[in-house]
Amino acid sequence: MPTSAMDDGIDGLAAGRAADERAGRVATLIPEQRREMIVRQLRQHQVLSVHQLTELLGCSHMTVRRDVAALEESGRVYAIPGGVRIASHMVSEPSHQAKSVTEQPQKQAIAAHVSPLLKPGMTVYLDAGTTTACLIPLLVGLADMTVLTNDFRTALALSDHPGVTVIHTGGVLDHRNGSSIGPLAAATLRRLVADIAFLSASSWDLERGVTTPSAPKVEVKRAAMEIASQRVLLATGAKYGTYGTYRVAALGEFDLVVTDDGLSGAAVQRLRESGLELEIAGAAPAASADPTDPVASAASAAA
């Protein structure tokens, strides 16, 4: 819905409420009524500002923030800077092409943040994803590295680096994302051992954990987590509060979760209060790939 139309709709509701109040037709709403009204409006408009909600509900900013916090705790909405958005159900994942042109500074910042975890001689699992792909140029300079992956673009980017041993899982091809999925890919992983696994996520939150709309991806991600001594989730803040039908893992199953500074302060606080090991990577300017460097170019294209 266009912003002007949304504003007009909210203004109209607020004006109607004010008229009812003047006529003595509106009683003070109890908390549950206010919260249900917030959810109903978010289902229609997706995102609302705190100011819009105070106008709509006829209450203070503090009251709105308390209501939003209560709704966020139940997983129904998510606070964002200056407002709130509805928890959204992801029916299908964006294509690799769509993901490769979004949130590049955040993805590169997350990769840079976890790069100290990479040590020479490691066996590393890189999950298919545009954030994990940003780790490629950060590991090729390390000696005796072995990379396990279900991502064809990752394998291709590493093909010109004979110093890196690359093991691709094989399995059924997911054409939209250029990766292998399903039981064959998972079976390959279960015959291997990794020091660390970097997992990607198209959707995540505290209540539902890491989810996906694609059932065949679940077994591969679970297998990668099973074989790794350390499990690290790399997920941008913009994906927080979305969820798919199939659950991969609870957030507590990861040794570390790394996201960017776009995640709201309220969400960060709740995640840390749950006992989650959460680290925030500051956004960094996107680096231009050197066209003479095939790894940097391939990583940039895959990111």
Protein backbone atom coordinates (compact mmCIF):
# COMPACT_ATOMS: atom_id res chain seq x y z
CA MET A 1 0.00 0.00 0.00
CA PRO A 2 1.40 3.46 -0.89
CA THR A 3 2.55 5.48 2.11
CA SER A 4 0.06 8.29 1.43
CA ALA A 5 -2.83 5.82 1.30
CA MET A 6 -1.68 4.18 4.52
CA ASP A 7 -1.39 7.56 6.25
CA ASP A 8 -4.83 8.54 5.01
CA GLY A 9 -6.26 5.29 6.35
CA ILE A 10 -4.68 5.71 9.77
CA ASP A 11 -5.64 9.38 9.94
CA GLY A 12 -9.19 8.44 9.09
CA LEU A 13 -9.31 5.81 11.82
CA ALA A 14 -7.84 8.22 14.35
CA ALA A 15 -10.32 10.92 13.36
CA GLY A 16 -13.21 8.47 13.68
CA ARG A 17 -12.02 7.42 17.10
CA ALA A 18 -11.73 11.06 18.21
CA ALA A 19 -15.29 11.72 17.05
CA ASP A 20 -16.55 8.69 18.94
CA GLU A 21 -14.72 9.81 22.07
CA ARG A 22 -16.29 13.28 21.83
CA ALA A 23 -19.67 11.62 21.54
CA GLY A 24 -18.97 9.40 24.54
CA ARG A 25 -19.20 6.22 22.48
CA VAL A 26 -15.67 4.85 23.11
CA ALA A 27 -14.71 3.41 26.45
CA THR A 28 -11.09 3.18 27.55
CA LEU A 29 -9.55 0.12 25.94
CA ILE A 30 -8.03 -2.54 28.15
CA PRO A 31 -4.53 -3.77 27.18
CA GLU A 32 -5.77 -6.86 25.31
CA GLN A 33 -8.14 -4.75 23.23
CA ARG A 34 -5.41 -2.28 22.34
CA ARG A 35 -3.04 -5.09 21.37
CA GLU A 36 -5.62 -6.80 19.18
CA MET A 37 -6.30 -3.47 17.48
CA ILE A 38 -2.57 -3.04 16.84
CA VAL A 39 -2.36 -6.50 15.27
CA ARG A 40 -5.45 -5.90 13.10
CA GLN A 41 -4.02 -2.64 11.77
CA LEU A 42 -0.63 -4.22 11.12
CA ARG A 43 -2.24 -7.01 9.14
CA GLN A 44 -3.65 -4.33 6.88
CA HIS A 45 -0.68 -1.94 6.74
CA GLN A 46 2.31 -4.22 7.58
CA VAL A 47 4.29 -1.40 9.24
CA LEU A 48 3.14 1.45 11.52
CA SER A 49 4.98 4.14 13.42
CA VAL A 50 4.62 4.64 17.16
CA HIS A 51 3.13 8.07 16.44
CA GLN A 52 0.45 6.55 14.20
CA LEU A 53 -0.45 4.05 16.91
CA THR A 54 -0.72 6.71 19.61
CA GLU A 55 -3.11 8.64 17.35
CA LEU A 56 -5.10 5.53 16.58
CA LEU A 57 -5.34 4.25 20.15
CA GLY A 58 -5.54 7.59 21.91
CA CYS A 59 -2.84 6.66 24.40
CA SER A 60 0.73 7.62 25.27
CA HIS A 61 3.95 6.58 23.54
CA MET A 62 4.89 4.65 26.68
CA THR A 63 1.63 2.67 26.58
CA VAL A 64 2.13 1.83 22.91
CA ARG A 65 5.70 0.68 23.54
CA ARG A 66 4.54 -1.56 26.40
CA ASP A 67 1.88 -3.08 24.15
CA VAL A 68 4.38 -3.60 21.35
CA ALA A 69 6.82 -5.25 23.79
CA ALA A 70 4.08 -7.64 24.95
CA LEU A 71 3.12 -8.51 21.37
CA GLU A 72 6.78 -8.95 20.42
CA GLU A 73 7.29 -11.37 23.30
CA SER A 74 4.53 -13.57 21.85
CA GLY A 75 6.10 -13.41 18.38
CA ARG A 76 3.16 -11.61 16.75
CA VAL A 77 4.96 -8.34 15.91
CA TYR A 78 8.50 -6.96 15.86
CA ALA A 79 9.73 -3.57 16.97
CA ILE A 80 11.71 -1.54 14.45
CA PRO A 81 13.29 1.89 14.97
CA GLY A 82 10.39 4.29 15.46
CA GLY A 83 7.65 1.75 14.93
CA VAL A 84 6.52 -1.85 14.61
CA ARG A 85 5.88 -4.40 11.87
CA ILE A 86 3.82 -7.56 11.67
CA ALA A 87 5.51 -10.96 11.85
CA SER A 88 5.42 -12.16 8.26
CA HIS A 89 5.11 -15.69 6.90
CA MET A 90 7.58 -16.38 4.09
CA VAL A 91 5.90 -18.55 1.45
CA SER A 92 8.94 -18.82 -0.84
CA GLU A 93 12.52 -17.64 -0.70
CA PRO A 94 13.81 -14.91 -3.01
CA SER A 95 15.97 -16.10 -5.89
CA HIS A 96 19.75 -15.88 -5.68
CA GLN A 97 19.66 -12.99 -8.15
CA ALA A 98 17.29 -11.04 -5.92
CA LYS A 99 19.32 -11.72 -2.77
CA SER A 100 22.61 -10.86 -4.45
CA VAL A 101 21.69 -7.17 -4.84
CA THR A 102 20.37 -6.49 -1.32
CA GLU A 103 22.07 -5.63 1.98
CA GLN A 104 25.61 -5.93 0.67
CA PRO A 105 27.24 -3.72 3.36
CA GLN A 106 25.52 -5.67 6.12
CA LYS A 107 26.50 -9.06 4.69
CA GLN A 108 30.11 -8.03 4.22
CA ALA A 109 30.21 -6.61 7.75
CA ILE A 110 28.92 -9.90 9.18
CA ALA A 111 31.54 -11.87 7.25
CA ALA A 112 34.33 -9.55 8.41
CA HIS A 113 33.10 -9.85 11.99
CA VAL A 114 33.39 -13.65 12.05
CA SER A 115 36.61 -13.87 10.01
CA PRO A 116 38.78 -14.20 13.18
CA LEU A 117 37.09 -17.58 13.72
CA LEU A 118 38.84 -18.89 10.60
CA LYS A 119 42.20 -20.52 11.31
CA PRO A 120 44.72 -22.29 9.03
CA GLY A 121 44.12 -26.01 8.70
CA MET A 122 40.40 -25.83 9.43
CA THR A 123 37.61 -27.76 7.79
CA VAL A 124 34.81 -25.23 7.26
CA TYR A 125 31.23 -25.73 6.12
CA LEU A 126 29.83 -22.84 4.09
CA ASP A 127 26.07 -23.05 3.71
CA ALA A 128 24.51 -21.80 0.49
CA GLY A 129 23.73 -18.12 0.89
CA THR A 130 24.73 -14.63 -0.05
CA THR A 131 26.08 -13.81 3.42
CA THR A 132 28.21 -16.94 3.75
CA ALA A 133 29.60 -16.26 0.26
CA CYS A 134 31.24 -13.12 1.63
CA LEU A 135 33.58 -15.37 3.62
CA ILE A 136 35.20 -16.77 0.46
CA PRO A 137 37.83 -14.04 -0.09
CA LEU A 138 38.58 -14.08 3.65
CA LEU A 139 39.59 -17.74 3.79
CA VAL A 140 41.51 -18.32 0.54
CA GLY A 141 44.68 -16.82 2.01
CA LEU A 142 44.77 -19.30 4.89
CA ALA A 143 46.91 -22.44 4.57
CA ASP A 144 45.55 -26.00 4.37
CA MET A 145 41.88 -25.08 4.36
CA THR A 146 39.12 -27.54 3.49
CA VAL A 147 35.71 -26.16 2.53
CA LEU A 148 32.57 -28.25 2.55
CA THR A 149 29.61 -26.70 0.78
CA ASN A 150 26.31 -27.39 -0.91
CA ASP A 151 26.64 -24.20 -2.96
CA PHE A 152 27.77 -24.43 -6.59
CA ARG A 153 28.85 -20.79 -6.75
CA THR A 154 31.07 -21.26 -3.70
CA ALA A 155 32.72 -24.31 -5.27
CA LEU A 156 33.24 -22.39 -8.52
CA ALA A 157 34.74 -19.39 -6.73
CA LEU A 158 37.26 -21.68 -5.02
CA SER A 159 38.09 -23.74 -8.11
CA ASP A 160 41.06 -21.53 -9.05
CA HIS A 161 42.64 -21.94 -5.60
CA PRO A 162 44.34 -25.32 -5.46
CA GLY A 163 45.51 -24.59 -1.93
CA VAL A 164 41.91 -25.00 -0.75
CA THR A 165 40.42 -28.49 -0.73
CA VAL A 166 36.78 -28.26 -1.79
CA ILE A 167 34.16 -30.93 -1.17
CA HIS A 168 30.73 -30.37 -2.69
CA THR A 169 27.84 -32.32 -1.25
CA GLY A 170 26.15 -33.20 -4.52
CA GLY A 171 22.43 -33.88 -4.39
CA VAL A 172 19.33 -32.42 -6.00
CA LEU A 173 19.83 -29.00 -7.57
CA ASP A 174 17.79 -26.07 -6.28
CA HIS A 175 17.69 -24.04 -9.48
CA ARG A 176 16.56 -20.78 -7.85
CA ASN A 177 19.54 -20.66 -5.50
CA GLY A 178 22.21 -22.74 -7.25
CA SER A 179 22.63 -25.15 -4.34
CA SER A 180 22.13 -28.83 -3.51
CA ILE A 181 19.29 -29.90 -1.24
CA GLY A 182 17.68 -33.07 0.01
CA PRO A 183 18.81 -36.39 1.55
CA LEU A 184 21.71 -37.08 -0.83
CA ALA A 185 23.43 -33.82 0.10
CA ALA A 186 22.76 -34.48 3.80
CA ALA A 187 24.14 -38.03 3.52
CA THR A 188 27.43 -36.71 2.12
CA LEU A 189 27.80 -34.28 5.01
CA ARG A 190 27.15 -37.01 7.60
CA ARG A 191 30.26 -38.84 6.35
CA LEU A 192 32.42 -35.81 7.08
CA VAL A 193 33.55 -33.75 10.08
CA ALA A 194 33.87 -29.95 10.25
CA ASP A 195 35.56 -27.65 12.72
CA ILE A 196 33.01 -24.92 12.15
CA ALA A 197 29.79 -24.52 10.18
CA PHE A 198 28.54 -21.16 8.98
CA LEU A 199 24.79 -21.41 8.42
CA SER A 200 22.61 -18.94 6.54
CA ALA A 201 18.94 -18.13 7.18
CA SER A 202 16.18 -16.64 5.09
CA SER A 203 14.01 -16.20 8.20
CA TRP A 204 14.63 -16.24 11.94
CA ASP A 205 13.26 -15.09 15.27
CA LEU A 206 13.44 -15.99 18.94
CA GLU A 207 10.16 -17.91 19.18
CA ARG A 208 10.42 -19.97 15.99
CA GLY A 209 14.19 -20.14 15.56
CA VAL A 210 15.61 -20.60 12.06
CA THR A 211 12.91 -21.56 9.57
CA THR A 212 12.58 -22.02 5.82
CA PRO A 213 9.72 -22.37 3.34
CA SER A 214 11.68 -25.20 1.64
CA ALA A 215 11.43 -28.61 3.32
CA PRO A 216 14.37 -30.19 1.40
CA LYS A 217 16.75 -27.55 2.84
CA VAL A 218 16.10 -28.58 6.42
CA GLU A 219 17.94 -31.91 6.34
CA VAL A 220 21.06 -30.40 4.77
CA LYS A 221 21.26 -27.63 7.35
CA ARG A 222 20.64 -30.10 10.19
CA ALA A 223 23.38 -32.40 8.88
CA ALA A 224 25.85 -29.51 8.73
CA MET A 225 25.06 -28.62 12.33
CA GLU A 226 25.49 -32.23 13.45
CA ILE A 227 28.99 -32.64 11.99
CA ALA A 228 30.43 -29.31 13.17
CA SER A 229 32.24 -28.66 16.44
CA GLN A 230 31.07 -25.04 16.32
CA ARG A 231 27.84 -23.78 14.74
CA VAL A 232 27.53 -20.14 13.73
CA LEU A 233 24.40 -18.52 12.31
CA LEU A 234 24.91 -15.57 9.96
CA ALA A 235 21.65 -13.67 9.39
CA THR A 236 20.89 -10.05 8.57
CA GLY A 237 18.59 -8.11 10.88
CA ALA A 238 16.08 -7.45 8.10
CA LYS A 239 15.21 -11.18 8.08
CA TYR A 240 14.37 -11.18 11.78
CA GLY A 241 10.65 -11.59 12.45
CA THR A 242 9.93 -13.53 9.27
CA TYR A 243 9.24 -17.25 9.37
CA GLY A 244 8.78 -20.20 7.05
CA THR A 245 6.76 -23.38 7.45
CA TYR A 246 9.67 -25.72 8.23
CA ARG A 247 11.82 -25.36 11.32
CA VAL A 248 15.56 -25.90 11.02
CA ALA A 249 16.73 -25.26 14.58
CA ALA A 250 16.13 -23.24 17.71
CA LEU A 251 18.48 -20.27 18.04
CA GLY A 252 19.88 -21.82 21.20
CA GLU A 253 21.32 -24.69 19.14
CA PHE A 254 23.89 -22.30 17.68
CA ASP A 255 27.09 -21.50 19.54
CA LEU A 256 27.02 -17.99 18.09
CA VAL A 257 24.54 -15.83 16.18
CA VAL A 258 25.90 -12.85 14.26
CA THR A 259 23.69 -10.18 12.71
CA ASP A 260 24.02 -6.53 11.69
CA ASP A 261 23.21 -3.31 13.49
CA GLY A 262 19.84 -3.02 11.77
CA LEU A 263 18.29 -5.29 14.40
CA SER A 264 16.19 -3.25 16.84
CA GLY A 265 17.47 -2.64 20.36
CA ALA A 266 14.39 -4.34 21.80
CA ALA A 267 15.05 -7.48 19.77
CA VAL A 268 18.73 -7.49 20.75
CA GLN A 269 17.79 -7.22 24.42
CA ARG A 270 15.27 -10.06 24.26
CA LEU A 271 17.68 -12.33 22.39
CA ARG A 272 20.46 -11.74 24.90
CA GLU A 273 18.13 -12.13 27.87
CA SER A 274 17.21 -15.56 26.49
CA GLY A 275 20.84 -16.60 26.96
CA LEU A 276 21.72 -16.46 23.27
CA GLU A 277 25.32 -15.67 22.33
CA LEU A 278 24.56 -12.75 20.00
CA GLU A 279 27.08 -10.45 18.35
CA ILE A 280 26.33 -7.37 16.24
CA ALA A 281 28.45 -6.49 13.24
CA GLY A 282 28.54 -2.81 12.29
CA ALA A 283 27.62 -2.09 8.67
CA ALA A 284 30.62 -1.34 6.46
CA PRO A 285 30.76 0.22 2.99
CA ALA A 286 30.48 -2.36 0.25
CA ALA A 287 33.84 -3.11 -1.34
CA SER A 288 34.11 -3.17 -5.10
CA ALA A 289 35.36 -6.45 -6.52
CA ASP A 290 38.65 -6.34 -8.40
CA PRO A 291 37.73 -7.50 -11.92
CA THR A 292 41.18 -9.09 -12.25
CA ASP A 293 40.62 -11.26 -9.16
CA PRO A 294 38.37 -14.23 -10.04
CA VAL A 295 37.66 -15.07 -6.41
CA ALA A 296 36.69 -11.52 -5.47
CA SER A 297 34.58 -11.25 -8.62
CA ALA A 298 32.89 -14.58 -8.02
CA ALA A 299 32.26 -13.78 -4.37
CA SER A 300 30.86 -10.39 -5.28
CA ALA A 301 28.52 -11.99 -7.78
CA ALA A 302 27.47 -14.66 -5.29
CA ALA A 303 27.11 -12.28 -2.32
